[in-house]
Every structure is written in structure tokens, then in C-alpha cells.
């Protein structure tokens, strides 16, 4: 992610859609950028 393919914006948009579907309000996907490169387990906990 971000190396073989430049997909940062696709992941950010996916997190926005995911958060909306799960009722997470006031969510800013940019806040997850420091965790990009980590596993989903860590990102989901955040």
C-alpha cells in the first residue's frame, strides 16, 4: 500500500464509508494516516 500501488486515497475513502456504516460520528480518516503500514488489528483498535 502506497508503494506498489498509490492507493492512499482509496483506503481513506474506504475507512470513511466503513465508519459511516458503523455509526462512528465525527470521524476524520486523516487521523489514521500515522497508523498506515500497521495491521488492521491495530487500526481497528484506534
ModelCIF file with pLDDT and N, C-alpha, C, O atoms, coordinates in Angstrom:
data_MODEL
#
_entry.id   MODEL 
#
_entity.id                         1 
_entity.type                       polymer 
_entity.pdbx_number_of_molecules   1 
#
_entity_poly.entity_id                      1 
_entity_poly.type                           'polypeptide(L)' 
_entity_poly.nstd_linkage                   no 
_entity_poly.nstd_monomer                   no 
_entity_poly.pdbx_seq_one_letter_code       
;(UNK)(UNK)(UNK)(UNK)(UNK)(UNK)(UNK)(UNK)(UNK)(UNK)(UNK)(UNK)(UNK)(UNK)(UNK)(UNK)
(UNK)(UNK)(UNK)(UNK)(UNK)(UNK)(UNK)(UNK)(UNK)(UNK)(UNK)(UNK)(UNK)(UNK)(UNK)(UNK)
(UNK)(UNK)(UNK)(UNK)(UNK)(UNK)(UNK)(UNK)(UNK)(UNK)(UNK)(UNK)(UNK)(UNK)
;
_entity_poly.pdbx_seq_one_letter_code_can   XXXXXXXXXXXXXXXXXXXXXXXXXXXXXXXXXXXXXXXXXXXXXX 
_entity_poly.pdbx_strand_id                 A 
#
loop_
_entity_poly_seq.entity_id 
_entity_poly_seq.num 
_entity_poly_seq.mon_id 
_entity_poly_seq.hetero 
1 1  UNK n 
1 2  UNK n 
1 3  UNK n 
1 4  UNK n 
1 5  UNK n 
1 6  UNK n 
1 7  UNK n 
1 8  UNK n 
1 9  UNK n 
1 10 UNK n 
1 11 UNK n 
1 12 UNK n 
1 13 UNK n 
1 14 UNK n 
1 15 UNK n 
1 16 UNK n 
1 17 UNK n 
1 18 UNK n 
1 19 UNK n 
1 20 UNK n 
1 21 UNK n 
1 22 UNK n 
1 23 UNK n 
1 24 UNK n 
1 25 UNK n 
1 26 UNK n 
1 27 UNK n 
1 28 UNK n 
1 29 UNK n 
1 30 UNK n 
1 31 UNK n 
1 32 UNK n 
1 33 UNK n 
1 34 UNK n 
1 35 UNK n 
1 36 UNK n 
1 37 UNK n 
1 38 UNK n 
1 39 UNK n 
1 40 UNK n 
1 41 UNK n 
1 42 UNK n 
1 43 UNK n 
1 44 UNK n 
1 45 UNK n 
1 46 UNK n 
#
_struct_asym.id          A 
_struct_asym.entity_id   1 
#
loop_
_ma_qa_metric.id 
_ma_qa_metric.mode 
_ma_qa_metric.name 
_ma_qa_metric.software_group_id 
_ma_qa_metric.type 
1 global pLDDT . pLDDT 
2 local  pLDDT . pLDDT 
#
_ma_qa_metric_global.metric_id      1 
_ma_qa_metric_global.metric_value   85.17 
_ma_qa_metric_global.model_id       1 
_ma_qa_metric_global.ordinal_id     1 
#
loop_
_ma_qa_metric_local.label_asym_id 
_ma_qa_metric_local.label_comp_id 
_ma_qa_metric_local.label_seq_id 
_ma_qa_metric_local.metric_id 
_ma_qa_metric_local.metric_value 
_ma_qa_metric_local.model_id 
_ma_qa_metric_local.ordinal_id 
A UNK 1  2 91.00 1 1  
A UNK 2  2 91.00 1 2  
A UNK 3  2 96.00 1 3  
A UNK 4  2 97.00 1 4  
A UNK 5  2 94.00 1 5  
A UNK 6  2 88.00 1 6  
A UNK 7  2 85.00 1 7  
A UNK 8  2 82.00 1 8  
A UNK 9  2 86.00 1 9  
A UNK 10 2 87.00 1 10 
A UNK 11 2 84.00 1 11 
A UNK 12 2 88.00 1 12 
A UNK 13 2 91.00 1 13 
A UNK 14 2 89.00 1 14 
A UNK 15 2 88.00 1 15 
A UNK 16 2 91.00 1 16 
A UNK 17 2 91.00 1 17 
A UNK 18 2 90.00 1 18 
A UNK 19 2 88.00 1 19 
A UNK 20 2 90.00 1 20 
A UNK 21 2 91.00 1 21 
A UNK 22 2 89.00 1 22 
A UNK 23 2 87.00 1 23 
A UNK 24 2 87.00 1 24 
A UNK 25 2 84.00 1 25 
A UNK 26 2 81.00 1 26 
A UNK 27 2 82.00 1 27 
A UNK 28 2 87.00 1 28 
A UNK 29 2 81.00 1 29 
A UNK 30 2 84.00 1 30 
A UNK 31 2 83.00 1 31 
A UNK 32 2 81.00 1 32 
A UNK 33 2 81.00 1 33 
A UNK 34 2 81.00 1 34 
A UNK 35 2 75.00 1 35 
A UNK 36 2 79.00 1 36 
A UNK 37 2 73.00 1 37 
A UNK 38 2 77.00 1 38 
A UNK 39 2 78.00 1 39 
A UNK 40 2 76.00 1 40 
A UNK 41 2 79.00 1 41 
A UNK 42 2 81.00 1 42 
A UNK 43 2 84.00 1 43 
A UNK 44 2 85.00 1 44 
A UNK 45 2 83.00 1 45 
A UNK 46 2 82.00 1 46 
#
loop_
_atom_site.group_PDB 
_atom_site.id 
_atom_site.type_symbol 
_atom_site.label_atom_id 
_atom_site.label_alt_id 
_atom_site.label_comp_id 
_atom_site.label_asym_id 
_atom_site.label_entity_id 
_atom_site.label_seq_id 
_atom_site.pdbx_PDB_ins_code 
_atom_site.Cartn_x 
_atom_site.Cartn_y 
_atom_site.Cartn_z 
_atom_site.occupancy 
_atom_site.B_iso_or_equiv 
_atom_site.pdbx_formal_charge 
_atom_site.auth_seq_id 
_atom_site.auth_comp_id 
_atom_site.auth_asym_id 
_atom_site.auth_atom_id 
_atom_site.pdbx_PDB_model_num 
ATOM 1   N N  . UNK A 1 1  ? 0.833   -1.205 0.000  1.00 91.00 ? 1  UNK A N  1 
ATOM 2   C CA . UNK A 1 1  ? 0.000   0.000  0.000  1.00 91.00 ? 1  UNK A CA 1 
ATOM 3   C C  . UNK A 1 1  ? 0.869   1.258  0.000  1.00 91.00 ? 1  UNK A C  1 
ATOM 4   O O  . UNK A 1 1  ? 1.693   1.459  0.892  1.00 91.00 ? 1  UNK A O  1 
ATOM 5   N N  . UNK A 1 2  ? 0.670   2.101  -1.020 1.00 91.00 ? 2  UNK A N  1 
ATOM 6   C CA . UNK A 1 2  ? 1.438   3.327  -1.120 1.00 91.00 ? 2  UNK A CA 1 
ATOM 7   C C  . UNK A 1 2  ? 2.774   3.159  -1.810 1.00 91.00 ? 2  UNK A C  1 
ATOM 8   O O  . UNK A 1 2  ? 3.480   4.142  -2.036 1.00 91.00 ? 2  UNK A O  1 
ATOM 9   N N  . UNK A 1 3  ? 3.137   1.926  -2.152 1.00 96.00 ? 3  UNK A N  1 
ATOM 10  C CA . UNK A 1 3  ? 4.428   1.663  -2.804 1.00 96.00 ? 3  UNK A CA 1 
ATOM 11  C C  . UNK A 1 3  ? 4.209   0.960  -4.139 1.00 96.00 ? 3  UNK A C  1 
ATOM 12  O O  . UNK A 1 3  ? 4.477   1.532  -5.195 1.00 96.00 ? 3  UNK A O  1 
ATOM 13  N N  . UNK A 1 4  ? 3.725   -0.271 -4.092 1.00 97.00 ? 4  UNK A N  1 
ATOM 14  C CA . UNK A 1 4  ? 3.417   -0.976 -5.336 1.00 97.00 ? 4  UNK A CA 1 
ATOM 15  C C  . UNK A 1 4  ? 2.269   -0.287 -6.065 1.00 97.00 ? 4  UNK A C  1 
ATOM 16  O O  . UNK A 1 4  ? 2.265   -0.184 -7.292 1.00 97.00 ? 4  UNK A O  1 
ATOM 17  N N  . UNK A 1 5  ? 1.299   0.183  -5.288 1.00 94.00 ? 5  UNK A N  1 
ATOM 18  C CA . UNK A 1 5  ? 0.197   0.979  -5.839 1.00 94.00 ? 5  UNK A CA 1 
ATOM 19  C C  . UNK A 1 5  ? 0.007   2.219  -4.974 1.00 94.00 ? 5  UNK A C  1 
ATOM 20  O O  . UNK A 1 5  ? 0.191   2.174  -3.757 1.00 94.00 ? 5  UNK A O  1 
ATOM 21  N N  . UNK A 1 6  ? -0.355  3.305  -5.602 1.00 88.00 ? 6  UNK A N  1 
ATOM 22  C CA . UNK A 1 6  ? -0.588  4.566  -4.886 1.00 88.00 ? 6  UNK A CA 1 
ATOM 23  C C  . UNK A 1 6  ? -2.062  4.618  -4.484 1.00 88.00 ? 6  UNK A C  1 
ATOM 24  O O  . UNK A 1 6  ? -2.870  5.277  -5.138 1.00 88.00 ? 6  UNK A O  1 
ATOM 25  N N  . UNK A 1 7  ? -2.395  3.927  -3.416 1.00 85.00 ? 7  UNK A N  1 
ATOM 26  C CA . UNK A 1 7  ? -3.794  3.724  -3.048 1.00 85.00 ? 7  UNK A CA 1 
ATOM 27  C C  . UNK A 1 7  ? -4.195  4.389  -1.737 1.00 85.00 ? 7  UNK A C  1 
ATOM 28  O O  . UNK A 1 7  ? -5.204  4.021  -1.135 1.00 85.00 ? 7  UNK A O  1 
ATOM 29  N N  . UNK A 1 8  ? -3.416  5.357  -1.297 1.00 82.00 ? 8  UNK A N  1 
ATOM 30  C CA . UNK A 1 8  ? -3.728  6.014  -0.029 1.00 82.00 ? 8  UNK A CA 1 
ATOM 31  C C  . UNK A 1 8  ? -5.150  6.553  -0.002 1.00 82.00 ? 8  UNK A C  1 
ATOM 32  O O  . UNK A 1 8  ? -5.890  6.311  0.952  1.00 82.00 ? 8  UNK A O  1 
ATOM 33  N N  . UNK A 1 9  ? -5.534  7.279  -1.038 1.00 86.00 ? 9  UNK A N  1 
ATOM 34  C CA . UNK A 1 9  ? -6.859  7.916  -1.038 1.00 86.00 ? 9  UNK A CA 1 
ATOM 35  C C  . UNK A 1 9  ? -7.978  6.884  -1.074 1.00 86.00 ? 9  UNK A C  1 
ATOM 36  O O  . UNK A 1 9  ? -9.045  7.106  -0.500 1.00 86.00 ? 9  UNK A O  1 
ATOM 37  N N  . UNK A 1 10 ? -7.745  5.756  -1.744 1.00 87.00 ? 10 UNK A N  1 
ATOM 38  C CA . UNK A 1 10 ? -8.761  4.695  -1.788 1.00 87.00 ? 10 UNK A CA 1 
ATOM 39  C C  . UNK A 1 10 ? -8.971  4.111  -0.401 1.00 87.00 ? 10 UNK A C  1 
ATOM 40  O O  . UNK A 1 10 ? -10.104 3.829  -0.009 1.00 87.00 ? 10 UNK A O  1 
ATOM 41  N N  . UNK A 1 11 ? -7.886  3.927  0.343  1.00 84.00 ? 11 UNK A N  1 
ATOM 42  C CA . UNK A 1 11 ? -8.022  3.417  1.714  1.00 84.00 ? 11 UNK A CA 1 
ATOM 43  C C  . UNK A 1 11 ? -8.720  4.437  2.614  1.00 84.00 ? 11 UNK A C  1 
ATOM 44  O O  . UNK A 1 11 ? -9.572  4.076  3.426  1.00 84.00 ? 11 UNK A O  1 
ATOM 45  N N  . UNK A 1 12 ? -8.358  5.698  2.468  1.00 88.00 ? 12 UNK A N  1 
ATOM 46  C CA . UNK A 1 12 ? -9.002  6.727  3.291  1.00 88.00 ? 12 UNK A CA 1 
ATOM 47  C C  . UNK A 1 12 ? -10.495 6.771  3.022  1.00 88.00 ? 12 UNK A C  1 
ATOM 48  O O  . UNK A 1 12 ? -11.296 6.851  3.953  1.00 88.00 ? 12 UNK A O  1 
ATOM 49  N N  . UNK A 1 13 ? -10.871 6.718  1.755  1.00 91.00 ? 13 UNK A N  1 
ATOM 50  C CA . UNK A 1 13 ? -12.297 6.741  1.406  1.00 91.00 ? 13 UNK A CA 1 
ATOM 51  C C  . UNK A 1 13 ? -13.001 5.488  1.931  1.00 91.00 ? 13 UNK A C  1 
ATOM 52  O O  . UNK A 1 13 ? -14.135 5.565  2.405  1.00 91.00 ? 13 UNK A O  1 
ATOM 53  N N  . UNK A 1 14 ? -12.330 4.335  1.848  1.00 89.00 ? 14 UNK A N  1 
ATOM 54  C CA . UNK A 1 14 ? -12.921 3.099  2.359  1.00 89.00 ? 14 UNK A CA 1 
ATOM 55  C C  . UNK A 1 14 ? -13.164 3.186  3.861  1.00 89.00 ? 14 UNK A C  1 
ATOM 56  O O  . UNK A 1 14 ? -14.191 2.722  4.356  1.00 89.00 ? 14 UNK A O  1 
ATOM 57  N N  . UNK A 1 15 ? -12.223 3.779  4.583  1.00 88.00 ? 15 UNK A N  1 
ATOM 58  C CA . UNK A 1 15 ? -12.414 3.942  6.024  1.00 88.00 ? 15 UNK A CA 1 
ATOM 59  C C  . UNK A 1 15 ? -13.575 4.893  6.326  1.00 88.00 ? 15 UNK A C  1 
ATOM 60  O O  . UNK A 1 15 ? -14.308 4.693  7.295  1.00 88.00 ? 15 UNK A O  1 
ATOM 61  N N  . UNK A 1 16 ? -13.739 5.919  5.501  1.00 91.00 ? 16 UNK A N  1 
ATOM 62  C CA . UNK A 1 16 ? -14.862 6.844  5.690  1.00 91.00 ? 16 UNK A CA 1 
ATOM 63  C C  . UNK A 1 16 ? -16.194 6.124  5.508  1.00 91.00 ? 16 UNK A C  1 
ATOM 64  O O  . UNK A 1 16 ? -17.108 6.280  6.318  1.00 91.00 ? 16 UNK A O  1 
ATOM 65  N N  . UNK A 1 17 ? -16.298 5.339  4.445  1.00 91.00 ? 17 UNK A N  1 
ATOM 66  C CA . UNK A 1 17 ? -17.532 4.584  4.188  1.00 91.00 ? 17 UNK A CA 1 
ATOM 67  C C  . UNK A 1 17 ? -17.771 3.581  5.310  1.00 91.00 ? 17 UNK A C  1 
ATOM 68  O O  . UNK A 1 17 ? -18.893 3.442  5.797  1.00 91.00 ? 17 UNK A O  1 
ATOM 69  N N  . UNK A 1 18 ? -16.720 2.886  5.716  1.00 90.00 ? 18 UNK A N  1 
ATOM 70  C CA . UNK A 1 18 ? -16.815 1.895  6.786  1.00 90.00 ? 18 UNK A CA 1 
ATOM 71  C C  . UNK A 1 18 ? -17.285 2.544  8.092  1.00 90.00 ? 18 UNK A C  1 
ATOM 72  O O  . UNK A 1 18 ? -18.176 2.026  8.764  1.00 90.00 ? 18 UNK A O  1 
ATOM 73  N N  . UNK A 1 19 ? -16.682 3.674  8.442  1.00 88.00 ? 19 UNK A N  1 
ATOM 74  C CA . UNK A 1 19 ? -17.046 4.360  9.683  1.00 88.00 ? 19 UNK A CA 1 
ATOM 75  C C  . UNK A 1 19 ? -18.502 4.819  9.651  1.00 88.00 ? 19 UNK A C  1 
ATOM 76  O O  . UNK A 1 19 ? -19.214 4.709  10.649 1.00 88.00 ? 19 UNK A O  1 
ATOM 77  N N  . UNK A 1 20 ? -18.936 5.327  8.518  1.00 90.00 ? 20 UNK A N  1 
ATOM 78  C CA . UNK A 1 20 ? -20.324 5.782  8.391  1.00 90.00 ? 20 UNK A CA 1 
ATOM 79  C C  . UNK A 1 20 ? -21.292 4.613  8.577  1.00 90.00 ? 20 UNK A C  1 
ATOM 80  O O  . UNK A 1 20 ? -22.317 4.751  9.244  1.00 90.00 ? 20 UNK A O  1 
ATOM 81  N N  . UNK A 1 21 ? -20.967 3.476  7.993  1.00 91.00 ? 21 UNK A N  1 
ATOM 82  C CA . UNK A 1 21 ? -21.844 2.302  8.103  1.00 91.00 ? 21 UNK A CA 1 
ATOM 83  C C  . UNK A 1 21 ? -21.895 1.753  9.527  1.00 91.00 ? 21 UNK A C  1 
ATOM 84  O O  . UNK A 1 21 ? -22.851 1.073  9.900  1.00 91.00 ? 21 UNK A O  1 
ATOM 85  N N  . UNK A 1 22 ? -20.864 2.050  10.321 1.00 89.00 ? 22 UNK A N  1 
ATOM 86  C CA . UNK A 1 22 ? -20.818 1.543  11.686 1.00 89.00 ? 22 UNK A CA 1 
ATOM 87  C C  . UNK A 1 22 ? -21.131 2.626  12.721 1.00 89.00 ? 22 UNK A C  1 
ATOM 88  O O  . UNK A 1 22 ? -20.881 2.453  13.914 1.00 89.00 ? 22 UNK A O  1 
ATOM 89  N N  . UNK A 1 23 ? -21.681 3.743  12.243 1.00 87.00 ? 23 UNK A N  1 
ATOM 90  C CA . UNK A 1 23 ? -22.159 4.780  13.156 1.00 87.00 ? 23 UNK A CA 1 
ATOM 91  C C  . UNK A 1 23 ? -21.080 5.519  13.912 1.00 87.00 ? 23 UNK A C  1 
ATOM 92  O O  . UNK A 1 23 ? -21.333 6.051  14.993 1.00 87.00 ? 23 UNK A O  1 
ATOM 93  N N  . UNK A 1 24 ? -19.877 5.561  13.362 1.00 87.00 ? 24 UNK A N  1 
ATOM 94  C CA . UNK A 1 24 ? -18.788 6.294  14.011 1.00 87.00 ? 24 UNK A CA 1 
ATOM 95  C C  . UNK A 1 24 ? -18.859 7.740  13.541 1.00 87.00 ? 24 UNK A C  1 
ATOM 96  O O  . UNK A 1 24 ? -18.528 8.042  12.394 1.00 87.00 ? 24 UNK A O  1 
ATOM 97  N N  . UNK A 1 25 ? -19.284 8.621  14.414 1.00 84.00 ? 25 UNK A N  1 
ATOM 98  C CA . UNK A 1 25 ? -19.510 10.019 14.052 1.00 84.00 ? 25 UNK A CA 1 
ATOM 99  C C  . UNK A 1 25 ? -18.259 10.880 14.300 1.00 84.00 ? 25 UNK A C  1 
ATOM 100 O O  . UNK A 1 25 ? -17.408 10.551 15.126 1.00 84.00 ? 25 UNK A O  1 
ATOM 101 N N  . UNK A 1 26 ? -18.181 11.985 13.560 1.00 81.00 ? 26 UNK A N  1 
ATOM 102 C CA . UNK A 1 26 ? -17.061 12.910 13.718 1.00 81.00 ? 26 UNK A CA 1 
ATOM 103 C C  . UNK A 1 26 ? -15.735 12.294 13.321 1.00 81.00 ? 26 UNK A C  1 
ATOM 104 O O  . UNK A 1 26 ? -14.682 12.711 13.802 1.00 81.00 ? 26 UNK A O  1 
ATOM 105 N N  . UNK A 1 27 ? -15.785 11.310 12.451 1.00 82.00 ? 27 UNK A N  1 
ATOM 106 C CA . UNK A 1 27 ? -14.572 10.597 12.061 1.00 82.00 ? 27 UNK A CA 1 
ATOM 107 C C  . UNK A 1 27 ? -13.834 11.331 10.950 1.00 82.00 ? 27 UNK A C  1 
ATOM 108 O O  . UNK A 1 27 ? -14.441 11.734 9.957  1.00 82.00 ? 27 UNK A O  1 
ATOM 109 N N  . UNK A 1 28 ? -12.535 11.505 11.114 1.00 87.00 ? 28 UNK A N  1 
ATOM 110 C CA . UNK A 1 28 ? -11.676 12.094 10.093 1.00 87.00 ? 28 UNK A CA 1 
ATOM 111 C C  . UNK A 1 28 ? -10.638 11.040 9.710  1.00 87.00 ? 28 UNK A C  1 
ATOM 112 O O  . UNK A 1 28 ? -9.744  10.722 10.494 1.00 87.00 ? 28 UNK A O  1 
ATOM 113 N N  . UNK A 1 29 ? -10.767 10.507 8.506  1.00 81.00 ? 29 UNK A N  1 
ATOM 114 C CA . UNK A 1 29 ? -9.883  9.422  8.077  1.00 81.00 ? 29 UNK A CA 1 
ATOM 115 C C  . UNK A 1 29 ? -8.409  9.817  8.117  1.00 81.00 ? 29 UNK A C  1 
ATOM 116 O O  . UNK A 1 29 ? -7.541  8.959  8.279  1.00 81.00 ? 29 UNK A O  1 
ATOM 117 N N  . UNK A 1 30 ? -8.121  11.106 7.970  1.00 84.00 ? 30 UNK A N  1 
ATOM 118 C CA . UNK A 1 30 ? -6.728  11.561 8.008  1.00 84.00 ? 30 UNK A CA 1 
ATOM 119 C C  . UNK A 1 30 ? -6.050  11.215 9.331  1.00 84.00 ? 30 UNK A C  1 
ATOM 120 O O  . UNK A 1 30 ? -4.827  11.085 9.398  1.00 84.00 ? 30 UNK A O  1 
ATOM 121 N N  . UNK A 1 31 ? -6.858  11.068 10.380 1.00 83.00 ? 31 UNK A N  1 
ATOM 122 C CA . UNK A 1 31 ? -6.296  10.741 11.691 1.00 83.00 ? 31 UNK A CA 1 
ATOM 123 C C  . UNK A 1 31 ? -5.670  9.352  11.717 1.00 83.00 ? 31 UNK A C  1 
ATOM 124 O O  . UNK A 1 31 ? -4.883  9.042  12.612 1.00 83.00 ? 31 UNK A O  1 
ATOM 125 N N  . UNK A 1 32 ? -6.011  8.520  10.746 1.00 81.00 ? 32 UNK A N  1 
ATOM 126 C CA . UNK A 1 32 ? -5.461  7.172  10.692 1.00 81.00 ? 32 UNK A CA 1 
ATOM 127 C C  . UNK A 1 32 ? -4.130  7.111  9.943  1.00 81.00 ? 32 UNK A C  1 
ATOM 128 O O  . UNK A 1 32 ? -3.458  6.080  9.975  1.00 81.00 ? 32 UNK A O  1 
ATOM 129 N N  . UNK A 1 33 ? -3.742  8.185  9.276  1.00 81.00 ? 33 UNK A N  1 
ATOM 130 C CA . UNK A 1 33 ? -2.515  8.165  8.474  1.00 81.00 ? 33 UNK A CA 1 
ATOM 131 C C  . UNK A 1 33 ? -1.274  7.723  9.259  1.00 81.00 ? 33 UNK A C  1 
ATOM 132 O O  . UNK A 1 33 ? -0.459  6.971  8.725  1.00 81.00 ? 33 UNK A O  1 
ATOM 133 N N  . UNK A 1 34 ? -1.108  8.174  10.521 1.00 81.00 ? 34 UNK A N  1 
ATOM 134 C CA . UNK A 1 34 ? 0.082   7.716  11.255 1.00 81.00 ? 34 UNK A CA 1 
ATOM 135 C C  . UNK A 1 34 ? 0.133   6.209  11.454 1.00 81.00 ? 34 UNK A C  1 
ATOM 136 O O  . UNK A 1 34 ? 1.196   5.650  11.725 1.00 81.00 ? 34 UNK A O  1 
ATOM 137 N N  . UNK A 1 35 ? -1.030  5.540  11.319 1.00 75.00 ? 35 UNK A N  1 
ATOM 138 C CA . UNK A 1 35 ? -1.078  4.096  11.523 1.00 75.00 ? 35 UNK A CA 1 
ATOM 139 C C  . UNK A 1 35 ? -1.018  3.318  10.215 1.00 75.00 ? 35 UNK A C  1 
ATOM 140 O O  . UNK A 1 35 ? -1.026  2.087  10.226 1.00 75.00 ? 35 UNK A O  1 
ATOM 141 N N  . UNK A 1 36 ? -0.959  4.027  9.082  1.00 79.00 ? 36 UNK A N  1 
ATOM 142 C CA . UNK A 1 36 ? -0.839  3.336  7.803  1.00 79.00 ? 36 UNK A CA 1 
ATOM 143 C C  . UNK A 1 36 ? 0.473   2.551  7.793  1.00 79.00 ? 36 UNK A C  1 
ATOM 144 O O  . UNK A 1 36 ? 1.516   3.050  8.216  1.00 79.00 ? 36 UNK A O  1 
ATOM 145 N N  . UNK A 1 37 ? 0.399   1.346  7.315  1.00 73.00 ? 37 UNK A N  1 
ATOM 146 C CA . UNK A 1 37 ? 1.542   0.447  7.362  1.00 73.00 ? 37 UNK A CA 1 
ATOM 147 C C  . UNK A 1 37 ? 1.409   -0.566 8.482  1.00 73.00 ? 37 UNK A C  1 
ATOM 148 O O  . UNK A 1 37 ? 2.129   -1.563 8.514  1.00 73.00 ? 37 UNK A O  1 
ATOM 149 N N  . UNK A 1 38 ? 0.473   -0.307 9.414  1.00 77.00 ? 38 UNK A N  1 
ATOM 150 C CA . UNK A 1 38 ? 0.221   -1.234 10.513 1.00 77.00 ? 38 UNK A CA 1 
ATOM 151 C C  . UNK A 1 38 ? -0.836  -2.247 10.088 1.00 77.00 ? 38 UNK A C  1 
ATOM 152 O O  . UNK A 1 38 ? -1.458  -2.098 9.036  1.00 77.00 ? 38 UNK A O  1 
ATOM 153 N N  . UNK A 1 39 ? -1.036  -3.272 10.902 1.00 78.00 ? 39 UNK A N  1 
ATOM 154 C CA . UNK A 1 39 ? -2.066  -4.271 10.613 1.00 78.00 ? 39 UNK A CA 1 
ATOM 155 C C  . UNK A 1 39 ? -3.445  -3.709 10.921 1.00 78.00 ? 39 UNK A C  1 
ATOM 156 O O  . UNK A 1 39 ? -3.580  -2.719 11.639 1.00 78.00 ? 39 UNK A O  1 
ATOM 157 N N  . UNK A 1 40 ? -4.467  -4.355 10.367 1.00 76.00 ? 40 UNK A N  1 
ATOM 158 C CA . UNK A 1 40 ? -5.841  -3.936 10.637 1.00 76.00 ? 40 UNK A CA 1 
ATOM 159 C C  . UNK A 1 40 ? -6.202  -4.059 12.111 1.00 76.00 ? 40 UNK A C  1 
ATOM 160 O O  . UNK A 1 40 ? -7.029  -3.296 12.610 1.00 76.00 ? 40 UNK A O  1 
ATOM 161 N N  . UNK A 1 41 ? -5.592  -5.011 12.815 1.00 79.00 ? 41 UNK A N  1 
ATOM 162 C CA . UNK A 1 41 ? -5.883  -5.176 14.241 1.00 79.00 ? 41 UNK A CA 1 
ATOM 163 C C  . UNK A 1 41 ? -5.563  -3.893 14.998 1.00 79.00 ? 41 UNK A C  1 
ATOM 164 O O  . UNK A 1 41 ? -6.342  -3.462 15.848 1.00 79.00 ? 41 UNK A O  1 
ATOM 165 N N  . UNK A 1 42 ? -4.431  -3.289 14.696 1.00 81.00 ? 42 UNK A N  1 
ATOM 166 C CA . UNK A 1 42 ? -4.046  -2.047 15.365 1.00 81.00 ? 42 UNK A CA 1 
ATOM 167 C C  . UNK A 1 42 ? -4.934  -0.893 14.918 1.00 81.00 ? 42 UNK A C  1 
ATOM 168 O O  . UNK A 1 42 ? -5.372  -0.090 15.742 1.00 81.00 ? 42 UNK A O  1 
ATOM 169 N N  . UNK A 1 43 ? -5.201  -0.806 13.623 1.00 84.00 ? 43 UNK A N  1 
ATOM 170 C CA . UNK A 1 43 ? -6.011  0.293  13.109 1.00 84.00 ? 43 UNK A CA 1 
ATOM 171 C C  . UNK A 1 43 ? -7.440  0.210  13.633 1.00 84.00 ? 43 UNK A C  1 
ATOM 172 O O  . UNK A 1 43 ? -8.021  1.236  13.988 1.00 84.00 ? 43 UNK A O  1 
ATOM 173 N N  . UNK A 1 44 ? -8.014  -0.979 13.690 1.00 85.00 ? 44 UNK A N  1 
ATOM 174 C CA . UNK A 1 44 ? -9.374  -1.131 14.200 1.00 85.00 ? 44 UNK A CA 1 
ATOM 175 C C  . UNK A 1 44 ? -9.467  -0.737 15.672 1.00 85.00 ? 44 UNK A C  1 
ATOM 176 O O  . UNK A 1 44 ? -10.464 -0.156 16.101 1.00 85.00 ? 44 UNK A O  1 
ATOM 177 N N  . UNK A 1 45 ? -8.436  -1.053 16.439 1.00 83.00 ? 45 UNK A N  1 
ATOM 178 C CA . UNK A 1 45 ? -8.456  -0.669 17.851 1.00 83.00 ? 45 UNK A CA 1 
ATOM 179 C C  . UNK A 1 45 ? -8.455  0.845  18.004 1.00 83.00 ? 45 UNK A C  1 
ATOM 180 O O  . UNK A 1 45 ? -9.085  1.379  18.917 1.00 83.00 ? 45 UNK A O  1 
ATOM 181 N N  . UNK A 1 46 ? -7.753  1.539  17.115 1.00 82.00 ? 46 UNK A N  1 
ATOM 182 C CA . UNK A 1 46 ? -7.750  3.015  17.148 1.00 82.00 ? 46 UNK A CA 1 
ATOM 183 C C  . UNK A 1 46 ? -9.098  3.553  16.669 1.00 82.00 ? 46 UNK A C  1 
ATOM 184 O O  . UNK A 1 46 ? -9.297  4.767  16.622 1.00 82.00 ? 46 UNK A O  1 
#
